[in-house]
PDB file of N, CA and C in Angstrom:
ATOM      1  N   UNK A   1       0.845  -1.184   0.000  1.00  0.00           N
ATOM      2  CA  UNK A   1       0.000   0.000   0.000  1.00  0.00           C
ATOM      3  C   UNK A   1       0.889   1.246   0.000  1.00  0.00           C
ATOM      4  N   UNK A   2       0.528   2.216  -0.816  1.00  0.00           N
ATOM      5  CA  UNK A   2       1.317   3.427  -0.958  1.00  0.00           C
ATOM      6  C   UNK A   2       0.784   4.538  -0.067  1.00  0.00           C
ATOM      7  N   UNK A   3       1.689   5.368   0.458  1.00  0.00           N
ATOM      8  CA  UNK A   3       1.297   6.537   1.240  1.00  0.00           C
ATOM      9  C   UNK A   3       1.217   7.790   0.376  1.00  0.00           C
ATOM     10  N   UNK A   4       1.398   7.629  -0.945  1.00  0.00           N
ATOM     11  CA  UNK A   4       1.361   8.782  -1.831  1.00  0.00           C
ATOM     12  C   UNK A   4      -0.016   9.418  -1.825  1.00  0.00           C
ATOM     13  N   UNK A   5      -0.021  10.736  -1.907  1.00  0.00           N
ATOM     14  CA  UNK A   5      -1.273  11.483  -1.962  1.00  0.00           C
ATOM     15  C   UNK A   5      -1.359  12.134  -3.328  1.00  0.00           C
ATOM     16  N   UNK A   6      -2.436  11.879  -4.027  1.00  0.00           N
ATOM     17  CA  UNK A   6      -2.614  12.459  -5.352  1.00  0.00           C
ATOM     18  C   UNK A   6      -3.484  13.704  -5.221  1.00  0.00           C
ATOM     19  N   UNK A   7      -2.954  14.809  -5.705  1.00  0.00           N
ATOM     20  CA  UNK A   7      -3.708  16.064  -5.712  1.00  0.00           C
ATOM     21  C   UNK A   7      -4.213  16.261  -7.136  1.00  0.00           C
ATOM     22  N   UNK A   8      -5.457  16.584  -7.274  1.00  0.00           N
ATOM     23  CA  UNK A   8      -6.115  16.712  -8.569  1.00  0.00           C
ATOM     24  C   UNK A   8      -5.363  17.642  -9.518  1.00  0.00           C
ATOM     25  N   UNK A   9      -5.299  17.245 -10.793  1.00  0.00           N
ATOM     26  CA  UNK A   9      -4.717  18.101 -11.819  1.00  0.00           C
ATOM     27  C   UNK A   9      -5.591  19.325 -12.070  1.00  0.00           C
ATOM     28  N   UNK A  10      -6.835  19.301 -11.587  1.00  0.00           N
ATOM     29  CA  UNK A  10      -7.770  20.407 -11.818  1.00  0.00           C
ATOM     30  C   UNK A  10      -7.513  21.592 -10.886  1.00  0.00           C
ATOM     31  N   UNK A  11      -6.670  21.426  -9.888  1.00  0.00           N
ATOM     32  CA  UNK A  11      -6.393  22.522  -8.954  1.00  0.00           C
ATOM     33  C   UNK A  11      -5.381  23.469  -9.590  1.00  0.00           C
ATOM     34  N   UNK A  12      -5.777  24.727  -9.700  1.00  0.00           N
ATOM     35  CA  UNK A  12      -4.946  25.750 -10.315  1.00  0.00           C
ATOM     36  C   UNK A  12      -4.483  26.732  -9.248  1.00  0.00           C
ATOM     37  N   UNK A  13      -3.203  27.035  -9.255  1.00  0.00           N
ATOM     38  CA  UNK A  13      -2.656  28.021  -8.328  1.00  0.00           C
ATOM     39  C   UNK A  13      -2.183  29.238  -9.117  1.00  0.00           C
ATOM     40  N   UNK A  14      -2.649  30.416  -8.709  1.00  0.00           N
ATOM     41  CA  UNK A  14      -2.162  31.652  -9.308  1.00  0.00           C
ATOM     42  C   UNK A  14      -0.718  31.863  -8.894  1.00  0.00           C
ATOM     43  N   UNK A  15      -0.011  32.724  -9.633  1.00  0.00           N
ATOM     44  CA  UNK A  15       1.360  33.067  -9.275  1.00  0.00           C
ATOM     45  C   UNK A  15       1.395  33.787  -7.936  1.00  0.00           C
ATOM     46  N   UNK A  16       2.574  33.908  -7.384  1.00  0.00           N
ATOM     47  CA  UNK A  16       2.749  34.551  -6.086  1.00  0.00           C
ATOM     48  C   UNK A  16       2.366  36.030  -6.152  1.00  0.00           C
ATOM     49  N   UNK A  17       1.523  36.497  -5.218  1.00  0.00           N
ATOM     50  CA  UNK A  17       1.137  37.908  -5.217  1.00  0.00           C
ATOM     51  C   UNK A  17       2.242  38.829  -4.704  1.00  0.00           C
ATOM     52  N   UNK A  18       3.310  38.265  -4.184  1.00  0.00           N
ATOM     53  CA  UNK A  18       4.388  39.065  -3.615  1.00  0.00           C
ATOM     54  C   UNK A  18       5.569  39.224  -4.578  1.00  0.00           C
ATOM     55  N   UNK A  19       5.975  38.107  -5.204  1.00  0.00           N
ATOM     56  CA  UNK A  19       7.140  38.186  -6.093  1.00  0.00           C
ATOM     57  C   UNK A  19       6.823  37.824  -7.538  1.00  0.00           C
ATOM     58  N   UNK A  20       5.614  37.280  -7.806  1.00  0.00           N
ATOM     59  CA  UNK A  20       5.239  36.887  -9.154  1.00  0.00           C
ATOM     60  C   UNK A  20       5.715  35.493  -9.546  1.00  0.00           C
ATOM     61  N   UNK A  21       6.394  34.801  -8.636  1.00  0.00           N
ATOM     62  CA  UNK A  21       6.901  33.453  -8.922  1.00  0.00           C
ATOM     63  C   UNK A  21       5.784  32.420  -9.003  1.00  0.00           C
ATOM     64  N   UNK A  22       6.139  31.237  -9.440  1.00  0.00           N
ATOM     65  CA  UNK A  22       5.189  30.139  -9.545  1.00  0.00           C
ATOM     66  C   UNK A  22       4.898  29.529  -8.181  1.00  0.00           C
ATOM     67  N   UNK A  23       3.646  29.173  -7.949  1.00  0.00           N
ATOM     68  CA  UNK A  23       3.235  28.594  -6.665  1.00  0.00           C
ATOM     69  C   UNK A  23       3.236  27.073  -6.742  1.00  0.00           C
ATOM     70  N   UNK A  24       3.379  26.442  -5.583  1.00  0.00           N
ATOM     71  CA  UNK A  24       3.318  24.985  -5.487  1.00  0.00           C
ATOM     72  C   UNK A  24       2.396  24.592  -4.329  1.00  0.00           C
ATOM     73  N   UNK A  25       1.937  23.350  -4.363  1.00  0.00           N
ATOM     74  CA  UNK A  25       1.127  22.783  -3.281  1.00  0.00           C
ATOM     75  C   UNK A  25       2.006  21.793  -2.528  1.00  0.00           C
ATOM     76  N   UNK A  26       1.973  21.865  -1.205  1.00  0.00           N
ATOM     77  CA  UNK A  26       2.696  20.906  -0.371  1.00  0.00           C
ATOM     78  C   UNK A  26       1.712  20.159   0.511  1.00  0.00           C
ATOM     79  N   UNK A  27       2.105  18.951   0.873  1.00  0.00           N
ATOM     80  CA  UNK A  27       1.324  18.129   1.797  1.00  0.00           C
ATOM     81  C   UNK A  27       2.222  17.836   2.990  1.00  0.00           C
ATOM     82  N   UNK A  28       1.683  18.040   4.189  1.00  0.00           N
ATOM     83  CA  UNK A  28       2.435  17.718   5.411  1.00  0.00           C
ATOM     84  C   UNK A  28       1.604  16.793   6.272  1.00  0.00           C
ATOM     85  N   UNK A  29       2.280  15.854   6.890  1.00  0.00           N
ATOM     86  CA  UNK A  29       1.620  14.927   7.813  1.00  0.00           C
ATOM     87  C   UNK A  29       1.891  15.410   9.229  1.00  0.00           C
ATOM     88  N   UNK A  30       0.823  15.603   9.998  1.00  0.00           N
ATOM     89  CA  UNK A  30       0.920  16.106  11.367  1.00  0.00           C
ATOM     90  C   UNK A  30       0.413  15.066  12.350  1.00  0.00           C
ATOM     91  N   UNK A  31       0.920  15.109  13.554  1.00  0.00           N
ATOM     92  CA  UNK A  31       0.381  14.320  14.663  1.00  0.00           C
ATOM     93  C   UNK A  31       0.709  12.846  14.602  1.00  0.00           C
ATOM     94  N   UNK A  32       0.432  12.189  15.728  1.00  0.00           N
ATOM     95  CA  UNK A  32       0.676  10.754  15.852  1.00  0.00           C
ATOM     96  C   UNK A  32      -0.207   9.942  14.916  1.00  0.00           C
ATOM     97  N   UNK A  33      -1.427  10.432  14.648  1.00  0.00           N
ATOM     98  CA  UNK A  33      -2.343   9.719  13.767  1.00  0.00           C
ATOM     99  C   UNK A  33      -2.007   9.961  12.305  1.00  0.00           C
ATOM    100  N   UNK A  34      -1.152  10.935  12.031  1.00  0.00           N
ATOM    101  CA  UNK A  34      -0.728  11.199  10.669  1.00  0.00           C
ATOM    102  C   UNK A  34      -1.778  11.855   9.811  1.00  0.00           C
ATOM    103  N   UNK A  35      -2.459  12.875  10.324  1.00  0.00           N
ATOM    104  CA  UNK A  35      -3.444  13.549   9.484  1.00  0.00           C
ATOM    105  C   UNK A  35      -2.730  14.537   8.572  1.00  0.00           C
ATOM    106  N   UNK A  36      -3.200  14.628   7.333  1.00  0.00           N
ATOM    107  CA  UNK A  36      -2.541  15.447   6.329  1.00  0.00           C
ATOM    108  C   UNK A  36      -3.147  16.837   6.271  1.00  0.00           C
ATOM    109  N   UNK A  37      -2.296  17.815   5.973  1.00  0.00           N
ATOM    110  CA  UNK A  37      -2.727  19.193   5.742  1.00  0.00           C
ATOM    111  C   UNK A  37      -2.047  19.670   4.462  1.00  0.00           C
ATOM    112  N   UNK A  38      -2.729  20.562   3.776  1.00  0.00           N
ATOM    113  CA  UNK A  38      -2.273  21.040   2.482  1.00  0.00           C
ATOM    114  C   UNK A  38      -1.997  22.526   2.563  1.00  0.00           C
ATOM    115  N   UNK A  39      -0.916  22.952   1.923  1.00  0.00           N
ATOM    116  CA  UNK A  39      -0.563  24.357   1.912  1.00  0.00           C
ATOM    117  C   UNK A  39      -0.074  24.766   0.538  1.00  0.00           C
ATOM    118  N   UNK A  40      -0.403  25.978   0.133  1.00  0.00           N
ATOM    119  CA  UNK A  40       0.075  26.532  -1.127  1.00  0.00           C
ATOM    120  C   UNK A  40       1.039  27.652  -0.794  1.00  0.00           C
ATOM    121  N   UNK A  41       2.058  27.777  -1.603  1.00  0.00           N
ATOM    122  CA  UNK A  41       3.022  28.826  -1.345  1.00  0.00           C
ATOM    123  C   UNK A  41       3.998  29.007  -2.477  1.00  0.00           C
ATOM    124  N   UNK A  42       4.930  29.890  -2.259  1.00  0.00           N
ATOM    125  CA  UNK A  42       5.928  30.249  -3.264  1.00  0.00           C
ATOM    126  C   UNK A  42       7.318  29.824  -2.795  1.00  0.00           C
ATOM    127  N   UNK A  43       7.961  28.916  -3.530  1.00  0.00           N
ATOM    128  CA  UNK A  43       9.306  28.509  -3.141  1.00  0.00           C
ATOM    129  C   UNK A  43      10.362  29.586  -3.419  1.00  0.00           C
ATOM    130  N   UNK A  44      10.025  30.566  -4.253  1.00  0.00           N
ATOM    131  CA  UNK A  44      10.999  31.610  -4.594  1.00  0.00           C
ATOM    132  C   UNK A  44      11.161  32.645  -3.478  1.00  0.00           C
ATOM    133  N   UNK A  45      10.052  33.047  -2.851  1.00  0.00           N
ATOM    134  CA  UNK A  45      10.159  34.060  -1.787  1.00  0.00           C
ATOM    135  C   UNK A  45       9.740  33.512  -0.421  1.00  0.00           C
ATOM    136  N   UNK A  46       9.408  32.223  -0.371  1.00  0.00           N
ATOM    137  CA  UNK A  46       9.071  31.520   0.878  1.00  0.00           C
ATOM    138  C   UNK A  46       7.816  32.042   1.562  1.00  0.00           C
ATOM    139  N   UNK A  47       6.850  32.529   0.792  1.00  0.00           N
ATOM    140  CA  UNK A  47       5.574  32.986   1.359  1.00  0.00           C
ATOM    141  C   UNK A  47       4.583  31.828   1.342  1.00  0.00           C
ATOM    142  N   UNK A  48       3.976  31.541   2.510  1.00  0.00           N
ATOM    143  CA  UNK A  48       2.999  30.450   2.642  1.00  0.00           C
ATOM    144  C   UNK A  48       1.768  30.968   3.344  1.00  0.00           C
ATOM    145  N   UNK A  49       0.604  30.388   3.018  1.00  0.00           N
ATOM    146  CA  UNK A  49      -0.671  30.816   3.581  1.00  0.00           C
ATOM    147  C   UNK A  49      -1.298  29.765   4.476  1.00  0.00           C
ATOM    148  N   UNK A  50      -0.563  29.159   5.368  1.00  0.00           N
ATOM    149  CA  UNK A  50      -1.150  28.233   6.335  1.00  0.00           C
ATOM    150  C   UNK A  50      -1.392  26.838   5.791  1.00  0.00           C
ATOM    151  N   UNK A  51      -2.009  26.015   6.621  1.00  0.00           N
ATOM    152  CA  UNK A  51      -2.268  24.608   6.314  1.00  0.00           C
ATOM    153  C   UNK A  51      -3.760  24.346   6.446  1.00  0.00           C
ATOM    154  N   UNK A  52      -4.327  23.633   5.462  1.00  0.00           N
ATOM    155  CA  UNK A  52      -5.771  23.432   5.378  1.00  0.00           C
ATOM    156  C   UNK A  52      -6.094  21.957   5.190  1.00  0.00           C
ATOM    157  N   UNK A  53      -7.349  21.599   5.449  1.00  0.00           N
ATOM    158  CA  UNK A  53      -7.774  20.201   5.408  1.00  0.00           C
ATOM    159  C   UNK A  53      -7.818  19.613   4.009  1.00  0.00           C
ATOM    160  N   UNK A  54      -8.058  20.429   2.996  1.00  0.00           N
ATOM    161  CA  UNK A  54      -8.139  19.922   1.625  1.00  0.00           C
ATOM    162  C   UNK A  54      -7.252  20.753   0.704  1.00  0.00           C
ATOM    163  N   UNK A  55      -6.795  20.153  -0.395  1.00  0.00           N
ATOM    164  CA  UNK A  55      -6.011  20.938  -1.356  1.00  0.00           C
ATOM    165  C   UNK A  55      -6.860  22.023  -2.015  1.00  0.00           C
ATOM    166  N   UNK A  56      -8.144  21.772  -2.150  1.00  0.00           N
ATOM    167  CA  UNK A  56      -9.034  22.776  -2.740  1.00  0.00           C
ATOM    168  C   UNK A  56      -9.120  24.024  -1.860  1.00  0.00           C
ATOM    169  N   UNK A  57      -9.208  23.815  -0.538  1.00  0.00           N
ATOM    170  CA  UNK A  57      -9.256  24.951   0.379  1.00  0.00           C
ATOM    171  C   UNK A  57      -7.936  25.721   0.366  1.00  0.00           C
ATOM    172  N   UNK A  58      -6.821  25.006   0.330  1.00  0.00           N
ATOM    173  CA  UNK A  58      -5.512  25.669   0.274  1.00  0.00           C
ATOM    174  C   UNK A  58      -5.399  26.505  -1.002  1.00  0.00           C
ATOM    175  N   UNK A  59      -5.832  25.951  -2.128  1.00  0.00           N
ATOM    176  CA  UNK A  59      -5.783  26.688  -3.400  1.00  0.00           C
ATOM    177  C   UNK A  59      -6.701  27.904  -3.367  1.00  0.00           C
ATOM    178  N   UNK A  60      -7.897  27.747  -2.805  1.00  0.00           N
ATOM    179  CA  UNK A  60      -8.839  28.865  -2.712  1.00  0.00           C
ATOM    180  C   UNK A  60      -8.234  30.005  -1.892  1.00  0.00           C
ATOM    181  N   UNK A  61      -7.626  29.691  -0.775  1.00  0.00           N
ATOM    182  CA  UNK A  61      -7.020  30.719   0.085  1.00  0.00           C
ATOM    183  C   UNK A  61      -5.833  31.382  -0.615  1.00  0.00           C
ATOM    184  N   UNK A  62      -5.009  30.579  -1.286  1.00  0.00           N
ATOM    185  CA  UNK A  62      -3.853  31.132  -1.978  1.00  0.00           C
ATOM    186  C   UNK A  62      -4.285  32.047  -3.126  1.00  0.00           C
ATOM    187  N   UNK A  63      -5.307  31.644  -3.862  1.00  0.00           N
ATOM    188  CA  UNK A  63      -5.744  32.394  -5.042  1.00  0.00           C
ATOM    189  C   UNK A  63      -6.582  33.623  -4.700  1.00  0.00           C
ATOM    190  N   UNK A  64      -7.033  33.757  -3.454  1.00  0.00           N
ATOM    191  CA  UNK A  64      -7.857  34.898  -3.054  1.00  0.00           C
ATOM    192  C   UNK A  64      -6.972  36.128  -2.875  1.00  0.00           C
ATOM    193  N   UNK A  65      -7.294  37.183  -3.595  1.00  0.00           N
ATOM    194  CA  UNK A  65      -6.555  38.451  -3.478  1.00  0.00           C
ATOM    195  C   UNK A  65      -7.387  39.577  -4.066  1.00  0.00           C
ATOM    196  N   UNK A  66      -7.006  40.762  -3.754  1.00  0.00           N
ATOM    197  CA  UNK A  66      -7.706  41.935  -4.267  1.00  0.00           C
ATOM    198  C   UNK A  66      -7.379  42.124  -5.742  1.00  0.00           C
ATOM    199  N   UNK A  67      -8.365  42.563  -6.547  1.00  0.00           N
ATOM    200  CA  UNK A  67      -8.082  42.821  -7.960  1.00  0.00           C
ATOM    201  C   UNK A  67      -6.942  43.828  -8.112  1.00  0.00           C
ATOM    202  N   UNK A  68      -6.094  43.583  -9.083  1.00  0.00           N
ATOM    203  CA  UNK A  68      -4.996  44.494  -9.358  1.00  0.00           C
ATOM    204  C   UNK A  68      -3.790  44.322  -8.462  1.00  0.00           C
ATOM    205  N   UNK A  69      -3.802  43.326  -7.582  1.00  0.00           N
ATOM    206  CA  UNK A  69      -2.677  43.149  -6.669  1.00  0.00           C
ATOM    207  C   UNK A  69      -1.762  41.999  -7.060  1.00  0.00           C
ATOM    208  N   UNK A  70      -1.908  41.496  -8.271  1.00  0.00           N
ATOM    209  CA  UNK A  70      -1.039  40.432  -8.750  1.00  0.00           C
ATOM    210  C   UNK A  70       0.189  41.038  -9.410  1.00  0.00           C
ATOM    211  N   UNK A  71       1.342  40.594  -9.033  1.00  0.00           N
ATOM    212  CA  UNK A  71       2.583  41.044  -9.657  1.00  0.00           C
ATOM    213  C   UNK A  71       2.770  40.228 -10.932  1.00  0.00           C
ATOM    214  N   UNK A  72       2.960  40.891 -12.047  1.00  0.00           N
ATOM    215  CA  UNK A  72       3.168  40.210 -13.328  1.00  0.00           C
ATOM    216  C   UNK A  72       4.655  40.034 -13.574  1.00  0.00           C
ATOM    217  N   UNK A  73       5.014  38.877 -14.066  1.00  0.00           N
ATOM    218  CA  UNK A  73       6.417  38.612 -14.432  1.00  0.00           C
ATOM    219  C   UNK A  73       6.549  38.604 -15.907  1.00  0.00           C
TER     220      UNK A  73
END
């Protein structure tokens, strides 16, 4: 049995609102029971928006921003 976690190809992450870099999704295992949490962030400037129960929630939080506040590269 594999411990790999598959995150849907349908999840889209906007670029970083701080540096314009590409965003990634990470999975972390917490606690003795090994519950997983998902976080989206930027490996270029190390900005992360917390850990959430689903990859969809992490993507929603990462992609939420005010209009006109996206840095274009």
